[in-house]
Protein backbone atom coordinates (compact mmCIF):
# COMPACT_ATOMS: atom_id res chain seq x y z
CA MET A 1 -44.43 -13.45 36.96
CA HIS A 2 -41.17 -14.50 35.31
CA GLU A 3 -39.84 -10.95 35.54
CA ILE A 4 -39.07 -11.46 39.25
CA SER A 5 -36.85 -14.45 38.49
CA LEU A 6 -35.16 -12.44 35.73
CA VAL A 7 -34.44 -9.57 38.14
CA ARG A 8 -33.08 -12.01 40.71
CA ASN A 9 -30.86 -13.54 38.01
CA ILE A 10 -29.59 -10.08 37.08
CA PHE A 11 -28.61 -9.41 40.68
CA SER A 12 -27.04 -12.87 40.92
CA THR A 13 -25.00 -12.21 37.79
CA LEU A 14 -23.82 -8.87 39.13
CA GLU A 15 -22.98 -10.39 42.53
CA HIS A 16 -20.83 -12.95 40.73
CA GLU A 17 -19.10 -10.33 38.55
CA PHE A 18 -18.69 -7.58 41.16
CA PRO A 19 -18.74 -9.26 44.60
CA GLU A 20 -16.74 -6.53 46.32
CA ARG A 21 -18.68 -3.62 44.74
CA MET A 22 -22.34 -4.67 44.98
CA ASP A 23 -23.01 -2.20 47.78
CA LYS A 24 -21.96 0.59 45.36
CA VAL A 25 -24.26 -0.36 42.44
CA ARG A 26 -26.57 2.58 41.71
CA GLY A 27 -27.89 1.86 38.24
CA ILE A 28 -28.54 -1.21 36.11
CA TYR A 29 -29.15 -0.64 32.40
CA LEU A 30 -30.81 -3.33 30.32
CA THR A 31 -31.34 -3.54 26.60
CA VAL A 32 -34.16 -5.89 25.64
CA GLY A 33 -35.52 -6.81 22.25
CA LEU A 34 -39.20 -6.52 21.49
CA LEU A 35 -39.47 -10.28 20.87
CA THR A 36 -38.49 -11.03 24.49
CA ASN A 37 -41.88 -9.71 25.61
CA LEU A 38 -40.21 -7.98 28.55
CA HIS A 39 -42.11 -4.81 29.21
CA PRO A 40 -40.30 -2.00 31.06
CA LEU A 41 -43.22 -1.39 33.44
CA LEU A 42 -43.42 -5.07 34.43
CA MET A 43 -39.64 -5.24 34.83
CA GLN A 44 -39.76 -2.14 37.06
CA SER A 45 -42.53 -3.67 39.18
CA ALA A 46 -40.53 -6.88 39.56
CA PHE A 47 -37.42 -4.86 40.37
CA ASP A 48 -39.30 -2.98 43.08
CA ALA A 49 -40.62 -6.25 44.51
CA VAL A 50 -37.11 -7.73 44.67
CA LEU A 51 -35.85 -4.58 46.39
CA LEU A 52 -38.40 -5.18 49.16
CA ASP A 53 -36.69 -8.54 49.81
CA GLU A 54 -33.18 -7.14 49.26
CA PRO A 55 -33.05 -3.74 51.03
CA ARG A 56 -29.27 -3.57 50.56
CA TYR A 57 -29.97 -2.64 46.91
CA ASN A 58 -32.57 0.07 47.62
CA LYS A 59 -30.25 2.78 46.22
CA THR A 60 -30.16 0.99 42.87
CA SER A 61 -32.31 1.98 39.91
CA LEU A 62 -33.31 0.04 36.81
CA HIS A 63 -33.29 1.45 33.29
CA VAL A 64 -34.75 -0.57 30.41
CA LYS A 65 -34.34 0.24 26.72
CA VAL A 66 -36.48 -1.73 24.26
CA LEU A 67 -35.06 -2.40 20.80
CA PRO A 68 -37.31 -2.92 17.77
CA ILE A 69 -37.27 -6.09 15.71
CA LYS A 70 -35.03 -6.02 12.64
CA ILE A 71 -34.66 -8.65 9.94
CA LYS A 72 -32.18 -9.18 7.14
CA CYS A 73 -33.64 -10.14 3.80
CA ALA A 74 -32.27 -13.37 2.33
CA ALA A 75 -33.24 -12.22 -1.17
CA CYS A 76 -31.73 -8.73 -1.37
CA GLY A 77 -29.71 -8.35 1.84
CA ALA A 78 -31.59 -5.27 3.05
CA GLU A 79 -32.16 -4.72 6.76
CA THR A 80 -35.73 -3.85 7.71
CA GLU A 81 -37.33 -2.79 10.95
CA VAL A 82 -40.40 -4.98 11.45
CA GLN A 83 -43.65 -3.05 11.77
CA GLN A 84 -46.74 -4.58 13.39
CA TYR A 85 -45.03 -8.00 13.44
CA LYS A 86 -45.05 -8.20 9.63
CA PHE A 87 -41.74 -9.83 8.72
CA ILE A 88 -41.51 -8.45 5.17
CA CYS A 89 -38.53 -6.77 3.53
CA ALA A 90 -39.15 -3.06 2.98
CA GLU A 91 -37.06 -3.11 -0.23
CA CYS A 92 -38.21 -6.15 -2.19
CA LYS A 93 -41.34 -7.16 -0.22
CA THR A 94 -40.05 -10.71 0.34
CA PRO A 95 -41.12 -12.39 3.59
CA GLY A 96 -38.19 -12.96 5.91
CA ASN A 97 -37.35 -14.67 9.15
CA GLN A 98 -33.66 -13.88 9.71
CA VAL A 99 -33.94 -11.81 12.89
CA ILE A 100 -30.85 -9.69 13.51
CA GLN A 101 -32.24 -7.63 16.39
CA GLY A 102 -35.09 -8.02 18.81
CA GLU A 103 -34.32 -11.21 20.74
CA GLU A 104 -31.62 -9.88 23.07
CA MET A 105 -31.68 -9.27 26.80
CA LEU A 106 -28.42 -7.67 27.85
CA ILE A 107 -27.04 -5.90 30.87
CA THR A 108 -25.48 -3.06 28.92
CA GLN A 109 -24.21 -0.90 31.75
CA VAL A 110 -23.72 -1.01 35.50
CA GLU A 111 -23.38 2.31 37.29
CA PHE A 112 -21.46 2.49 40.56
CA GLU A 113 -21.43 5.16 43.25
CA ASP A 114 -18.47 7.49 42.94
CA THR A 115 -16.26 6.82 45.96
CA GLU A 116 -14.17 9.97 45.67
């Protein structure tokens, strides 16, 4: 299950970026593209499994947003959301392979406990 290693890498990245604030992390927000094949339910299961090994993060929650695949047409320049994995321009019906969205995996937000 590669999701567990991804979750561990996310925590490692955050520990590197926020070493003095990791005990205050309450929410981790990811944006993942459909082509990454990262499913929110599997990521949540992996996240829960990592929390069993890392109880210091048990107040942290995971939020995953999945982005659709979008391509840019080389022929007409139109941007098209790919439906059913058919990489065809919606405007001119030309096949395309210039993916402009759908391959990303980003930590888009980290939420910390309010200390006031």
